[in-house]
Amino acid sequence: MIQRFIEIGEGYGDIYELRELISTNSHRFLHGFVFASSNADGKTVLSLAAALKPAEEGNFMPIYICREGIPEGSKRLEVFEQAVKELDHLPIHMAVKHSSAYVDKTLYFNHLIAILRLNHYIPPMQ
């Protein structure tokens, strides 16, 4: 199974797109994630992500993410958490390293996929 992060922005207006993806794909929704990390200024920023089950045909599992543009206590976090709760799920909060700690975004996303697999939030590699 191919599991890949699809970045849809940094969480400004695109958080509403993420909410729409969650609600229109409610039958495929698996988990909602809130990744907290500290940027270079020492401020905590959040990334919001939604993992969807693979489509009936194909072997691709998308994880849509708004990366590191949301400050703690933001109204946008409430919008995301409400969308997840409407599907009778609870958002999963995790502390992770900031993406700037990695040479490339691909390495950062691979690290997050490994964390999600190890915690059994997404299926193992096949």
PDB file of N, CA and C in Angstrom:
ATOM      1  N   MET A   1       0.844  -1.178   0.000  1.00  0.00           N
ATOM      2  CA  MET A   1       0.000   0.000   0.000  1.00  0.00           C
ATOM      3  C   MET A   1       0.888   1.240   0.000  1.00  0.00           C
ATOM      4  N   ILE A   2       0.546   2.163  -0.842  1.00  0.00           N
ATOM      5  CA  ILE A   2       1.265   3.436  -0.904  1.00  0.00           C
ATOM      6  C   ILE A   2       0.572   4.411   0.039  1.00  0.00           C
ATOM      7  N   GLN A   3       1.320   4.940   0.974  1.00  0.00           N
ATOM      8  CA  GLN A   3       0.803   5.940   1.906  1.00  0.00           C
ATOM      9  C   GLN A   3       1.605   7.217   1.672  1.00  0.00           C
ATOM     10  N   ARG A   4       0.892   8.304   1.413  1.00  0.00           N
ATOM     11  CA  ARG A   4       1.596   9.533   1.072  1.00  0.00           C
ATOM     12  C   ARG A   4       0.869  10.747   1.649  1.00  0.00           C
ATOM     13  N   PHE A   5       1.661  11.690   2.143  1.00  0.00           N
ATOM     14  CA  PHE A   5       1.117  12.968   2.582  1.00  0.00           C
ATOM     15  C   PHE A   5       0.873  13.839   1.362  1.00  0.00           C
ATOM     16  N   ILE A   6      -0.264  14.505   1.362  1.00  0.00           N
ATOM     17  CA  ILE A   6      -0.592  15.470   0.325  1.00  0.00           C
ATOM     18  C   ILE A   6      -0.762  16.808   1.032  1.00  0.00           C
ATOM     19  N   GLU A   7       0.164  17.707   0.779  1.00  0.00           N
ATOM     20  CA  GLU A   7       0.143  19.000   1.463  1.00  0.00           C
ATOM     21  C   GLU A   7      -0.811  19.931   0.729  1.00  0.00           C
ATOM     22  N   ILE A   8      -1.787  20.449   1.463  1.00  0.00           N
ATOM     23  CA  ILE A   8      -2.739  21.357   0.840  1.00  0.00           C
ATOM     24  C   ILE A   8      -2.542  22.796   1.289  1.00  0.00           C
ATOM     25  N   GLY A   9      -1.503  23.049   2.040  1.00  0.00           N
ATOM     26  CA  GLY A   9      -1.188  24.412   2.464  1.00  0.00           C
ATOM     27  C   GLY A   9      -0.674  24.435   3.882  1.00  0.00           C
ATOM     28  N   GLU A  10      -0.690  25.636   4.446  1.00  0.00           N
ATOM     29  CA  GLU A  10      -0.166  25.816   5.795  1.00  0.00           C
ATOM     30  C   GLU A  10      -1.263  26.055   6.821  1.00  0.00           C
ATOM     31  N   GLY A  11      -2.519  25.907   6.422  1.00  0.00           N
ATOM     32  CA  GLY A  11      -3.589  25.968   7.406  1.00  0.00           C
ATOM     33  C   GLY A  11      -4.266  27.310   7.544  1.00  0.00           C
ATOM     34  N   TYR A  12      -4.127  28.184   6.581  1.00  0.00           N
ATOM     35  CA  TYR A  12      -4.827  29.463   6.653  1.00  0.00           C
ATOM     36  C   TYR A  12      -6.249  29.256   6.139  1.00  0.00           C
ATOM     37  N   GLY A  13      -6.537  29.572   4.899  1.00  0.00           N
ATOM     38  CA  GLY A  13      -7.858  29.316   4.340  1.00  0.00           C
ATOM     39  C   GLY A  13      -8.055  27.867   3.961  1.00  0.00           C
ATOM     40  N   ASP A  14      -6.956  27.170   3.750  1.00  0.00           N
ATOM     41  CA  ASP A  14      -7.047  25.781   3.298  1.00  0.00           C
ATOM     42  C   ASP A  14      -7.520  24.824   4.388  1.00  0.00           C
ATOM     43  N   ILE A  15      -7.595  25.271   5.621  1.00  0.00           N
ATOM     44  CA  ILE A  15      -8.140  24.426   6.680  1.00  0.00           C
ATOM     45  C   ILE A  15      -9.602  24.104   6.382  1.00  0.00           C
ATOM     46  N   TYR A  16     -10.280  25.025   5.708  1.00  0.00           N
ATOM     47  CA  TYR A  16     -11.669  24.786   5.340  1.00  0.00           C
ATOM     48  C   TYR A  16     -11.769  23.765   4.215  1.00  0.00           C
ATOM     49  N   GLU A  17     -10.775  23.718   3.360  1.00  0.00           N
ATOM     50  CA  GLU A  17     -10.703  22.677   2.336  1.00  0.00           C
ATOM     51  C   GLU A  17     -10.475  21.318   2.986  1.00  0.00           C
ATOM     52  N   LEU A  18      -9.617  21.271   4.005  1.00  0.00           N
ATOM     53  CA  LEU A  18      -9.377  20.024   4.729  1.00  0.00           C
ATOM     54  C   LEU A  18     -10.666  19.556   5.409  1.00  0.00           C
ATOM     55  N   ARG A  19     -11.385  20.494   6.002  1.00  0.00           N
ATOM     56  CA  ARG A  19     -12.671  20.150   6.637  1.00  0.00           C
ATOM     57  C   ARG A  19     -13.637  19.584   5.599  1.00  0.00           C
ATOM     58  N   GLU A  20     -13.665  20.171   4.418  1.00  0.00           N
ATOM     59  CA  GLU A  20     -14.551  19.690   3.357  1.00  0.00           C
ATOM     60  C   GLU A  20     -14.139  18.300   2.879  1.00  0.00           C
ATOM     61  N   LEU A  21     -12.842  18.050   2.779  1.00  0.00           N
ATOM     62  CA  LEU A  21     -12.357  16.715   2.412  1.00  0.00           C
ATOM     63  C   LEU A  21     -12.803  15.672   3.436  1.00  0.00           C
ATOM     64  N   ILE A  22     -12.748  16.041   4.701  1.00  0.00           N
ATOM     65  CA  ILE A  22     -13.166  15.124   5.763  1.00  0.00           C
ATOM     66  C   ILE A  22     -14.655  14.824   5.656  1.00  0.00           C
ATOM     67  N   SER A  23     -15.468  15.854   5.475  1.00  0.00           N
ATOM     68  CA  SER A  23     -16.913  15.633   5.466  1.00  0.00           C
ATOM     69  C   SER A  23     -17.388  14.930   4.194  1.00  0.00           C
ATOM     70  N   THR A  24     -16.816  15.246   3.044  1.00  0.00           N
ATOM     71  CA  THR A  24     -17.264  14.589   1.811  1.00  0.00           C
ATOM     72  C   THR A  24     -16.728  13.170   1.685  1.00  0.00           C
ATOM     73  N   ASN A  25     -15.673  12.865   2.395  1.00  0.00           N
ATOM     74  CA  ASN A  25     -15.114  11.512   2.393  1.00  0.00           C
ATOM     75  C   ASN A  25     -15.330  10.825   3.739  1.00  0.00           C
ATOM     76  N   SER A  26     -16.446  11.118   4.377  1.00  0.00           N
ATOM     77  CA  SER A  26     -16.690  10.587   5.726  1.00  0.00           C
ATOM     78  C   SER A  26     -16.674   9.060   5.751  1.00  0.00           C
ATOM     79  N   HIS A  27     -17.090   8.431   4.665  1.00  0.00           N
ATOM     80  CA  HIS A  27     -17.089   6.966   4.605  1.00  0.00           C
ATOM     81  C   HIS A  27     -15.676   6.391   4.512  1.00  0.00           C
ATOM     82  N   ARG A  28     -14.689   7.228   4.150  1.00  0.00           N
ATOM     83  CA  ARG A  28     -13.299   6.787   4.045  1.00  0.00           C
ATOM     84  C   ARG A  28     -12.421   7.310   5.190  1.00  0.00           C
ATOM     85  N   PHE A  29     -12.969   8.187   6.017  1.00  0.00           N
ATOM     86  CA  PHE A  29     -12.167   8.824   7.063  1.00  0.00           C
ATOM     87  C   PHE A  29     -11.634   7.780   8.044  1.00  0.00           C
ATOM     88  N   LEU A  30     -10.338   7.870   8.344  1.00  0.00           N
ATOM     89  CA  LEU A  30      -9.702   6.933   9.267  1.00  0.00           C
ATOM     90  C   LEU A  30      -9.325   7.628  10.573  1.00  0.00           C
ATOM     91  N   HIS A  31      -8.497   8.686  10.487  1.00  0.00           N
ATOM     92  CA  HIS A  31      -8.056   9.418  11.683  1.00  0.00           C
ATOM     93  C   HIS A  31      -7.783  10.875  11.341  1.00  0.00           C
ATOM     94  N   GLY A  32      -7.906  11.714  12.367  1.00  0.00           N
ATOM     95  CA  GLY A  32      -7.486  13.109  12.286  1.00  0.00           C
ATOM     96  C   GLY A  32      -6.330  13.308  13.245  1.00  0.00           C
ATOM     97  N   PHE A  33      -5.300  14.006  12.786  1.00  0.00           N
ATOM     98  CA  PHE A  33      -4.089  14.190  13.589  1.00  0.00           C
ATOM     99  C   PHE A  33      -3.788  15.668  13.793  1.00  0.00           C
ATOM    100  N   VAL A  34      -3.303  15.979  14.989  1.00  0.00           N
ATOM    101  CA  VAL A  34      -2.791  17.305  15.303  1.00  0.00           C
ATOM    102  C   VAL A  34      -1.343  17.100  15.709  1.00  0.00           C
ATOM    103  N   PHE A  35      -0.418  17.535  14.836  1.00  0.00           N
ATOM    104  CA  PHE A  35       1.013  17.411  15.114  1.00  0.00           C
ATOM    105  C   PHE A  35       1.514  18.747  15.651  1.00  0.00           C
ATOM    106  N   ALA A  36       2.074  18.747  16.842  1.00  0.00           N
ATOM    107  CA  ALA A  36       2.618  19.960  17.446  1.00  0.00           C
ATOM    108  C   ALA A  36       4.138  19.925  17.339  1.00  0.00           C
ATOM    109  N   SER A  37       4.717  21.058  16.942  1.00  0.00           N
ATOM    110  CA  SER A  37       6.176  21.167  16.873  1.00  0.00           C
ATOM    111  C   SER A  37       6.588  22.597  17.187  1.00  0.00           C
ATOM    112  N   SER A  38       7.835  22.771  17.548  1.00  0.00           N
ATOM    113  CA  SER A  38       8.356  24.102  17.860  1.00  0.00           C
ATOM    114  C   SER A  38       9.182  24.603  16.692  1.00  0.00           C
ATOM    115  N   ASN A  39       8.891  25.834  16.256  1.00  0.00           N
ATOM    116  CA  ASN A  39       9.660  26.405  15.150  1.00  0.00           C
ATOM    117  C   ASN A  39      10.958  27.008  15.671  1.00  0.00           C
ATOM    118  N   ALA A  40      11.718  27.647  14.799  1.00  0.00           N
ATOM    119  CA  ALA A  40      13.021  28.196  15.171  1.00  0.00           C
ATOM    120  C   ALA A  40      12.907  29.270  16.258  1.00  0.00           C
ATOM    121  N   ASP A  41      11.765  29.952  16.339  1.00  0.00           N
ATOM    122  CA  ASP A  41      11.551  30.980  17.354  1.00  0.00           C
ATOM    123  C   ASP A  41      11.108  30.397  18.693  1.00  0.00           C
ATOM    124  N   GLY A  42      10.941  29.077  18.743  1.00  0.00           N
ATOM    125  CA  GLY A  42      10.496  28.427  19.960  1.00  0.00           C
ATOM    126  C   GLY A  42       8.992  28.434  20.157  1.00  0.00           C
ATOM    127  N   LYS A  43       8.251  28.945  19.160  1.00  0.00           N
ATOM    128  CA  LYS A  43       6.790  28.955  19.245  1.00  0.00           C
ATOM    129  C   LYS A  43       6.241  27.615  18.772  1.00  0.00           C
ATOM    130  N   THR A  44       5.199  27.163  19.435  1.00  0.00           N
ATOM    131  CA  THR A  44       4.562  25.910  19.035  1.00  0.00           C
ATOM    132  C   THR A  44       3.615  26.181  17.881  1.00  0.00           C
ATOM    133  N   VAL A  45       3.800  25.425  16.811  1.00  0.00           N
ATOM    134  CA  VAL A  45       2.915  25.506  15.652  1.00  0.00           C
ATOM    135  C   VAL A  45       2.306  24.132  15.419  1.00  0.00           C
ATOM    136  N   LEU A  46       1.140  24.118  14.804  1.00  0.00           N
ATOM    137  CA  LEU A  46       0.407  22.873  14.612  1.00  0.00           C
ATOM    138  C   LEU A  46       0.272  22.544  13.134  1.00  0.00           C
ATOM    139  N   SER A  47       0.314  21.257  12.861  1.00  0.00           N
ATOM    140  CA  SER A  47      -0.027  20.721  11.546  1.00  0.00           C
ATOM    141  C   SER A  47      -1.260  19.858  11.752  1.00  0.00           C
ATOM    142  N   LEU A  48      -2.228  20.016  10.879  1.00  0.00           N
ATOM    143  CA  LEU A  48      -3.454  19.237  10.965  1.00  0.00           C
ATOM    144  C   LEU A  48      -3.500  18.290   9.782  1.00  0.00           C
ATOM    145  N   ALA A  49      -3.843  17.030  10.040  1.00  0.00           N
ATOM    146  CA  ALA A  49      -3.844  16.031   8.975  1.00  0.00           C
ATOM    147  C   ALA A  49      -5.033  15.104   9.110  1.00  0.00           C
ATOM    148  N   ALA A  50      -5.487  14.608   7.966  1.00  0.00           N
ATOM    149  CA  ALA A  50      -6.584  13.649   7.920  1.00  0.00           C
ATOM    150  C   ALA A  50      -6.164  12.473   7.059  1.00  0.00           C
ATOM    151  N   ALA A  51      -6.193  11.281   7.643  1.00  0.00           N
ATOM    152  CA  ALA A  51      -5.874  10.057   6.910  1.00  0.00           C
ATOM    153  C   ALA A  51      -7.171   9.427   6.427  1.00  0.00           C
ATOM    154  N   LEU A  52      -7.197   9.084   5.149  1.00  0.00           N
ATOM    155  CA  LEU A  52      -8.357   8.436   4.556  1.00  0.00           C
ATOM    156  C   LEU A  52      -8.017   7.003   4.194  1.00  0.00           C
ATOM    157  N   LYS A  53      -9.004   6.136   4.275  1.00  0.00           N
ATOM    158  CA  LYS A  53      -8.816   4.753   3.829  1.00  0.00           C
ATOM    159  C   LYS A  53      -8.621   4.761   2.313  1.00  0.00           C
ATOM    160  N   PRO A  54      -7.917   3.775   1.782  1.00  0.00           N
ATOM    161  CA  PRO A  54      -7.743   3.709   0.329  1.00  0.00           C
ATOM    162  C   PRO A  54      -9.094   3.584  -0.382  1.00  0.00           C
ATOM    163  N   ALA A  55      -9.147   4.104  -1.607  1.00  0.00           N
ATOM    164  CA  ALA A  55     -10.351   3.955  -2.422  1.00  0.00           C
ATOM    165  C   ALA A  55     -10.551   2.474  -2.735  1.00  0.00           C
ATOM    166  N   GLU A  56     -11.746   2.110  -3.165  1.00  0.00           N
ATOM    167  CA  GLU A  56     -12.042   0.704  -3.444  1.00  0.00           C
ATOM    168  C   GLU A  56     -11.065   0.114  -4.449  1.00  0.00           C
ATOM    169  N   GLU A  57     -10.784   0.869  -5.485  1.00  0.00           N
ATOM    170  CA  GLU A  57      -9.804   0.413  -6.479  1.00  0.00           C
ATOM    171  C   GLU A  57      -8.510   1.182  -6.247  1.00  0.00           C
ATOM    172  N   GLY A  58      -7.425   0.482  -6.348  1.00  0.00           N
ATOM    173  CA  GLY A  58      -6.142   1.124  -6.118  1.00  0.00           C
ATOM    174  C   GLY A  58      -5.620   0.791  -4.742  1.00  0.00           C
ATOM    175  N   ASN A  59      -4.407   1.142  -4.535  1.00  0.00           N
ATOM    176  CA  ASN A  59      -3.740   0.791  -3.288  1.00  0.00           C
ATOM    177  C   ASN A  59      -3.054   2.032  -2.717  1.00  0.00           C
ATOM    178  N   PHE A  60      -3.768   3.166  -2.742  1.00  0.00           N
ATOM    179  CA  PHE A  60      -3.206   4.449  -2.341  1.00  0.00           C
ATOM    180  C   PHE A  60      -3.971   5.001  -1.151  1.00  0.00           C
ATOM    181  N   MET A  61      -3.233   5.306  -0.078  1.00  0.00           N
ATOM    182  CA  MET A  61      -3.832   5.861   1.133  1.00  0.00           C
ATOM    183  C   MET A  61      -3.356   7.302   1.289  1.00  0.00           C
ATOM    184  N   PRO A  62      -4.238   8.283   1.049  1.00  0.00           N
ATOM    185  CA  PRO A  62      -3.818   9.679   1.184  1.00  0.00           C
ATOM    186  C   PRO A  62      -3.903  10.157   2.626  1.00  0.00           C
ATOM    187  N   ILE A  63      -2.969  11.013   2.992  1.00  0.00           N
ATOM    188  CA  ILE A  63      -3.007  11.702   4.279  1.00  0.00           C
ATOM    189  C   ILE A  63      -2.859  13.186   3.953  1.00  0.00           C
ATOM    190  N   TYR A  64      -3.957  13.903   4.008  1.00  0.00           N
ATOM    191  CA  TYR A  64      -3.963  15.328   3.670  1.00  0.00           C
ATOM    192  C   TYR A  64      -3.474  16.122   4.883  1.00  0.00           C
ATOM    193  N   ILE A  65      -2.616  17.116   4.624  1.00  0.00           N
ATOM    194  CA  ILE A  65      -2.023  17.860   5.735  1.00  0.00           C
ATOM    195  C   ILE A  65      -1.951  19.352   5.441  1.00  0.00           C
ATOM    196  N   CYS A  66      -2.230  20.138   6.468  1.00  0.00           N
ATOM    197  CA  CYS A  66      -1.959  21.576   6.490  1.00  0.00           C
ATOM    198  C   CYS A  66      -0.756  21.710   7.421  1.00  0.00           C
ATOM    199  N   ARG A  67       0.397  22.062   6.863  1.00  0.00           N
ATOM    200  CA  ARG A  67       1.654  21.929   7.591  1.00  0.00           C
ATOM    201  C   ARG A  67       2.111  23.220   8.274  1.00  0.00           C
ATOM    202  N   GLU A  68       2.186  23.171   9.581  1.00  0.00           N
ATOM    203  CA  GLU A  68       2.892  24.111  10.455  1.00  0.00           C
ATOM    204  C   GLU A  68       2.541  25.586  10.282  1.00  0.00           C
ATOM    205  N   GLY A  69       1.283  25.871   9.998  1.00  0.00           N
ATOM    206  CA  GLY A  69       0.899  27.265   9.874  1.00  0.00           C
ATOM    207  C   GLY A  69      -0.129  27.702  10.895  1.00  0.00           C
ATOM    208  N   ILE A  70      -0.424  26.852  11.852  1.00  0.00           N
ATOM    209  CA  ILE A  70      -1.498  27.142  12.796  1.00  0.00           C
ATOM    210  C   ILE A  70      -0.925  27.297  14.204  1.00  0.00           C
ATOM    211  N   PRO A  71      -1.109  28.446  14.827  1.00  0.00           N
ATOM    212  CA  PRO A  71      -0.625  28.613  16.203  1.00  0.00           C
ATOM    213  C   PRO A  71      -1.537  27.889  17.190  1.00  0.00           C
ATOM    214  N   GLU A  72      -0.997  27.596  18.356  1.00  0.00           N
ATOM    215  CA  GLU A  72      -1.802  26.957  19.411  1.00  0.00           C
ATOM    216  C   GLU A  72      -2.975  27.853  19.777  1.00  0.00           C
ATOM    217  N   GLY A  73      -4.106  27.225  20.100  1.00  0.00           N
ATOM    218  CA  GLY A  73      -5.277  27.978  20.543  1.00  0.00           C
ATOM    219  C   GLY A  73      -6.019  28.687  19.421  1.00  0.00           C
ATOM    220  N   SER A  74      -5.733  28.366  18.193  1.00  0.00           N
ATOM    221  CA  SER A  74      -6.351  29.020  17.044  1.00  0.00           C
ATOM    222  C   SER A  74      -7.776  28.521  16.817  1.00  0.00           C
ATOM    223  N   LYS A  75      -8.614  29.384  16.280  1.00  0.00           N
ATOM    224  CA  LYS A  75      -9.974  29.010  15.901  1.00  0.00           C
ATOM    225  C   LYS A  75      -9.937  27.924  14.827  1.00  0.00           C
ATOM    226  N   ARG A  76      -8.908  27.939  13.992  1.00  0.00           N
ATOM    227  CA  ARG A  76      -8.785  26.937  12.933  1.00  0.00           C
ATOM    228  C   ARG A  76      -8.630  25.537  13.510  1.00  0.00           C
ATOM    229  N   LEU A  77      -7.961  25.420  14.654  1.00  0.00           N
ATOM    230  CA  LEU A  77      -7.844  24.126  15.323  1.00  0.00           C
ATOM    231  C   LEU A  77      -9.231  23.644  15.757  1.00  0.00           C
ATOM    232  N   GLU A  78     -10.035  24.540  16.285  1.00  0.00           N
ATOM    233  CA  GLU A  78     -11.395  24.187  16.704  1.00  0.00           C
ATOM    234  C   GLU A  78     -12.232  23.708  15.521  1.00  0.00           C
ATOM    235  N   VAL A  79     -12.073  24.364  14.365  1.00  0.00           N
ATOM    236  CA  VAL A  79     -12.808  23.971  13.151  1.00  0.00           C
ATOM    237  C   VAL A  79     -12.448  22.538  12.770  1.00  0.00           C
ATOM    238  N   PHE A  80     -11.158  22.222  12.795  1.00  0.00           N
ATOM    239  CA  PHE A  80     -10.698  20.876  12.449  1.00  0.00           C
ATOM    240  C   PHE A  80     -11.197  19.846  13.458  1.00  0.00           C
ATOM    241  N   GLU A  81     -11.019  20.130  14.735  1.00  0.00           N
ATOM    242  CA  GLU A  81     -11.435  19.183  15.771  1.00  0.00           C
ATOM    243  C   GLU A  81     -12.940  18.928  15.716  1.00  0.00           C
ATOM    244  N   GLN A  82     -13.726  19.951  15.424  1.00  0.00           N
ATOM    245  CA  GLN A  82     -15.179  19.783  15.315  1.00  0.00           C
ATOM    246  C   GLN A  82     -15.525  18.873  14.144  1.00  0.00           C
ATOM    247  N   ALA A  83     -14.828  19.032  13.010  1.00  0.00           N
ATOM    248  CA  ALA A  83     -15.088  18.184  11.839  1.00  0.00           C
ATOM    249  C   ALA A  83     -14.785  16.719  12.156  1.00  0.00           C
ATOM    250  N   VAL A  84     -13.716  16.479  12.901  1.00  0.00           N
ATOM    251  CA  VAL A  84     -13.352  15.112  13.278  1.00  0.00           C
ATOM    252  C   VAL A  84     -14.373  14.543  14.262  1.00  0.00           C
ATOM    253  N   LYS A  85     -14.776  15.335  15.225  1.00  0.00           N
ATOM    254  CA  LYS A  85     -15.740  14.870  16.240  1.00  0.00           C
ATOM    255  C   LYS A  85     -17.109  14.591  15.646  1.00  0.00           C
ATOM    256  N   GLU A  86     -17.485  15.306  14.583  1.00  0.00           N
ATOM    257  CA  GLU A  86     -18.770  15.061  13.929  1.00  0.00           C
ATOM    258  C   GLU A  86     -18.837  13.651  13.331  1.00  0.00           C
ATOM    259  N   LEU A  87     -17.668  13.046  13.092  1.00  0.00           N
ATOM    260  CA  LEU A  87     -17.619  11.681  12.564  1.00  0.00           C
ATOM    261  C   LEU A  87     -17.386  10.658  13.674  1.00  0.00           C
ATOM    262  N   ASP A  88     -17.627  11.078  14.916  1.00  0.00           N
ATOM    263  CA  ASP A  88     -17.470  10.216  16.095  1.00  0.00           C
ATOM    264  C   ASP A  88     -16.041   9.709  16.276  1.00  0.00           C
ATOM    265  N   HIS A  89     -15.080  10.555  15.963  1.00  0.00           N
ATOM    266  CA  HIS A  89     -13.670  10.274  16.198  1.00  0.00           C
ATOM    267  C   HIS A  89     -13.115  11.363  17.104  1.00  0.00           C
ATOM    268  N   LEU A  90     -11.993  11.079  17.710  1.00  0.00           N
ATOM    269  CA  LEU A  90     -11.274  12.099  18.471  1.00  0.00           C
ATOM    270  C   LEU A  90      -9.974  12.401  17.743  1.00  0.00           C
ATOM    271  N   PRO A  91      -9.594  13.681  17.645  1.00  0.00           N
ATOM    272  CA  PRO A  91      -8.309  13.996  17.020  1.00  0.00           C
ATOM    273  C   PRO A  91      -7.161  13.427  17.852  1.00  0.00           C
ATOM    274  N   ILE A  92      -6.164  12.926  17.181  1.00  0.00           N
ATOM    275  CA  ILE A  92      -4.998  12.342  17.846  1.00  0.00           C
ATOM    276  C   ILE A  92      -3.902  13.402  17.892  1.00  0.00           C
ATOM    277  N   HIS A  93      -3.497  13.778  19.094  1.00  0.00           N
ATOM    278  CA  HIS A  93      -2.466  14.803  19.273  1.00  0.00           C
ATOM    279  C   HIS A  93      -1.105  14.127  19.449  1.00  0.00           C
ATOM    280  N   MET A  94      -0.104  14.637  18.731  1.00  0.00           N
ATOM    281  CA  MET A  94       1.253  14.088  18.822  1.00  0.00           C
ATOM    282  C   MET A  94       2.262  15.236  18.754  1.00  0.00           C
ATOM    283  N   ALA A  95       3.330  15.117  19.511  1.00  0.00           N
ATOM    284  CA  ALA A  95       4.439  16.068  19.426  1.00  0.00           C
ATOM    285  C   ALA A  95       5.495  15.480  18.490  1.00  0.00           C
ATOM    286  N   VAL A  96       5.923  16.268  17.514  1.00  0.00           N
ATOM    287  CA  VAL A  96       6.908  15.818  16.531  1.00  0.00           C
ATOM    288  C   VAL A  96       7.943  16.920  16.316  1.00  0.00           C
ATOM    289  N   LYS A  97       9.032  16.567  15.655  1.00  0.00           N
ATOM    290  CA  LYS A  97      10.032  17.566  15.296  1.00  0.00           C
ATOM    291  C   LYS A  97       9.485  18.476  14.203  1.00  0.00           C
ATOM    292  N   HIS A  98       9.952  19.694  14.180  1.00  0.00           N
ATOM    293  CA  HIS A  98       9.570  20.648  13.133  1.00  0.00           C
ATOM    294  C   HIS A  98      10.186  20.204  11.813  1.00  0.00           C
ATOM    295  N   SER A  99       9.511  20.461  10.725  1.00  0.00           N
ATOM    296  CA  SER A  99      10.005  20.021   9.412  1.00  0.00           C
ATOM    297  C   SER A  99      11.336  20.666   9.042  1.00  0.00           C
ATOM    298  N   SER A 100      11.664  21.802   9.639  1.00  0.00           N
ATOM    299  CA  SER A 100      12.948  22.455   9.342  1.00  0.00           C
ATOM    300  C   SER A 100      14.126  21.641   9.880  1.00  0.00           C
ATOM    301  N   ALA A 101      13.875  20.651  10.731  1.00  0.00           N
ATOM    302  CA  ALA A 101      14.938  19.785  11.245  1.00  0.00           C
ATOM    303  C   ALA A 101      15.379  18.769  10.195  1.00  0.00           C
ATOM    304  N   TYR A 102      14.650  18.693   9.079  1.00  0.00           N
ATOM    305  CA  TYR A 102      14.948  17.738   8.013  1.00  0.00           C
ATOM    306  C   TYR A 102      15.454  18.479   6.781  1.00  0.00           C
ATOM    307  N   VAL A 103      16.316  17.818   6.043  1.00  0.00           N
ATOM    308  CA  VAL A 103      16.886  18.418   4.840  1.00  0.00           C
ATOM    309  C   VAL A 103      15.817  18.625   3.776  1.00  0.00           C
ATOM    310  N   ASP A 104      14.862  17.715   3.740  1.00  0.00           N
ATOM    311  CA  ASP A 104      13.859  17.720   2.688  1.00  0.00           C
ATOM    312  C   ASP A 104      12.484  17.396   3.285  1.00  0.00           C
ATOM    313  N   LYS A 105      11.428  17.987   2.716  1.00  0.00           N
ATOM    314  CA  LYS A 105      10.071  17.697   3.187  1.00  0.00           C
ATOM    315  C   LYS A 105       9.721  16.223   3.047  1.00  0.00           C
ATOM    316  N   THR A 106      10.243  15.576   2.021  1.00  0.00           N
ATOM    317  CA  THR A 106       9.961  14.154   1.814  1.00  0.00           C
ATOM    318  C   THR A 106      10.450  13.329   2.997  1.00  0.00           C
ATOM    319  N   LEU A 107      11.614  13.664   3.530  1.00  0.00           N
ATOM    320  CA  LEU A 107      12.132  12.951   4.704  1.00  0.00           C
ATOM    321  C   LEU A 107      11.240  13.194   5.924  1.00  0.00           C
ATOM    322  N   TYR A 108      10.771  14.415   6.063  1.00  0.00           N
ATOM    323  CA  TYR A 108       9.864  14.753   7.155  1.00  0.00           C
ATOM    324  C   TYR A 108       8.582  13.923   7.067  1.00  0.00           C
ATOM    325  N   PHE A 109       7.996  13.868   5.890  1.00  0.00           N
ATOM    326  CA  PHE A 109       6.760  13.102   5.716  1.00  0.00           C
ATOM    327  C   PHE A 109       6.999  11.610   5.908  1.00  0.00           C
ATOM    328  N   ASN A 110       8.132  11.105   5.457  1.00  0.00           N
ATOM    329  CA  ASN A 110       8.456   9.684   5.679  1.00  0.00           C
ATOM    330  C   ASN A 110       8.588   9.386   7.171  1.00  0.00           C
ATOM    331  N   HIS A 111       9.171  10.318   7.913  1.00  0.00           N
ATOM    332  CA  HIS A 111       9.296  10.160   9.358  1.00  0.00           C
ATOM    333  C   HIS A 111       7.910  10.105  10.014  1.00  0.00           C
ATOM    334  N   LEU A 112       7.009  10.999   9.599  1.00  0.00           N
ATOM    335  CA  LEU A 112       5.657  10.997  10.159  1.00  0.00           C
ATOM    336  C   LEU A 112       4.923   9.698   9.830  1.00  0.00           C
ATOM    337  N   ILE A 113       5.087   9.203   8.614  1.00  0.00           N
ATOM    338  CA  ILE A 113       4.450   7.934   8.233  1.00  0.00           C
ATOM    339  C   ILE A 113       4.972   6.805   9.116  1.00  0.00           C
ATOM    340  N   ALA A 114       6.267   6.804   9.377  1.00  0.00           N
ATOM    341  CA  ALA A 114       6.843   5.770  10.243  1.00  0.00           C
ATOM    342  C   ALA A 114       6.253   5.850  11.648  1.00  0.00           C
ATOM    343  N   ILE A 115       6.095   7.052  12.176  1.00  0.00           N
ATOM    344  CA  ILE A 115       5.509   7.231  13.510  1.00  0.00           C
ATOM    345  C   ILE A 115       4.068   6.722  13.530  1.00  0.00           C
ATOM    346  N   LEU A 116       3.310   7.052  12.493  1.00  0.00           N
ATOM    347  CA  LEU A 116       1.910   6.623  12.433  1.00  0.00           C
ATOM    348  C   LEU A 116       1.802   5.105  12.305  1.00  0.00           C
ATOM    349  N   ARG A 117       2.711   4.497  11.558  1.00  0.00           N
ATOM    350  CA  ARG A 117       2.713   3.033  11.441  1.00  0.00           C
ATOM    351  C   ARG A 117       3.074   2.374  12.764  1.00  0.00           C
ATOM    352  N   LEU A 118       4.108   2.895  13.426  1.00  0.00           N
ATOM    353  CA  LEU A 118       4.547   2.307  14.690  1.00  0.00           C
ATOM    354  C   LEU A 118       3.465   2.374  15.765  1.00  0.00           C
ATOM    355  N   ASN A 119       2.636   3.400  15.697  1.00  0.00           N
ATOM    356  CA  ASN A 119       1.549   3.547  16.661  1.00  0.00           C
ATOM    357  C   ASN A 119       0.252   2.911  16.176  1.00  0.00           C
ATOM    358  N   HIS A 120       0.318   2.200  15.061  1.00  0.00           N
ATOM    359  CA  HIS A 120      -0.815   1.466  14.490  1.00  0.00           C
ATOM    360  C   HIS A 120      -1.995   2.363  14.133  1.00  0.00           C
ATOM    361  N   TYR A 121      -1.712   3.614  13.736  1.00  0.00           N
ATOM    362  CA  TYR A 121      -2.771   4.501  13.270  1.00  0.00           C
ATOM    363  C   TYR A 121      -3.037   4.311  11.782  1.00  0.00           C
ATOM    364  N   ILE A 122      -2.022   3.854  11.063  1.00  0.00           N
ATOM    365  CA  ILE A 122      -2.182   3.494   9.653  1.00  0.00           C
ATOM    366  C   ILE A 122      -1.606   2.101   9.460  1.00  0.00           C
ATOM    367  N   PRO A 123      -2.052   1.393   8.438  1.00  0.00           N
ATOM    368  CA  PRO A 123      -1.582   0.005   8.246  1.00  0.00           C
ATOM    369  C   PRO A 123      -0.089  -0.061   7.970  1.00  0.00           C
ATOM    370  N   PRO A 124       0.531  -1.202   8.286  1.00  0.00           N
ATOM    371  CA  PRO A 124       1.968  -1.365   8.015  1.00  0.00           C
ATOM    372  C   PRO A 124       2.243  -1.445   6.523  1.00  0.00           C
ATOM    373  N   MET A 125       3.509  -1.258   6.192  1.00  0.00           N
ATOM    374  CA  MET A 125       3.921  -1.377   4.809  1.00  0.00           C
ATOM    375  C   MET A 125       3.736  -2.834   4.365  1.00  0.00           C
ATOM    376  N   GLN A 126       3.283  -3.011   3.132  1.00  0.00           N
ATOM    377  CA  GLN A 126       3.038  -4.372   2.636  1.00  0.00           C
ATOM    378  C   GLN A 126       4.047  -4.741   1.576  1.00  0.00           C
TER     379      GLN A 126
END
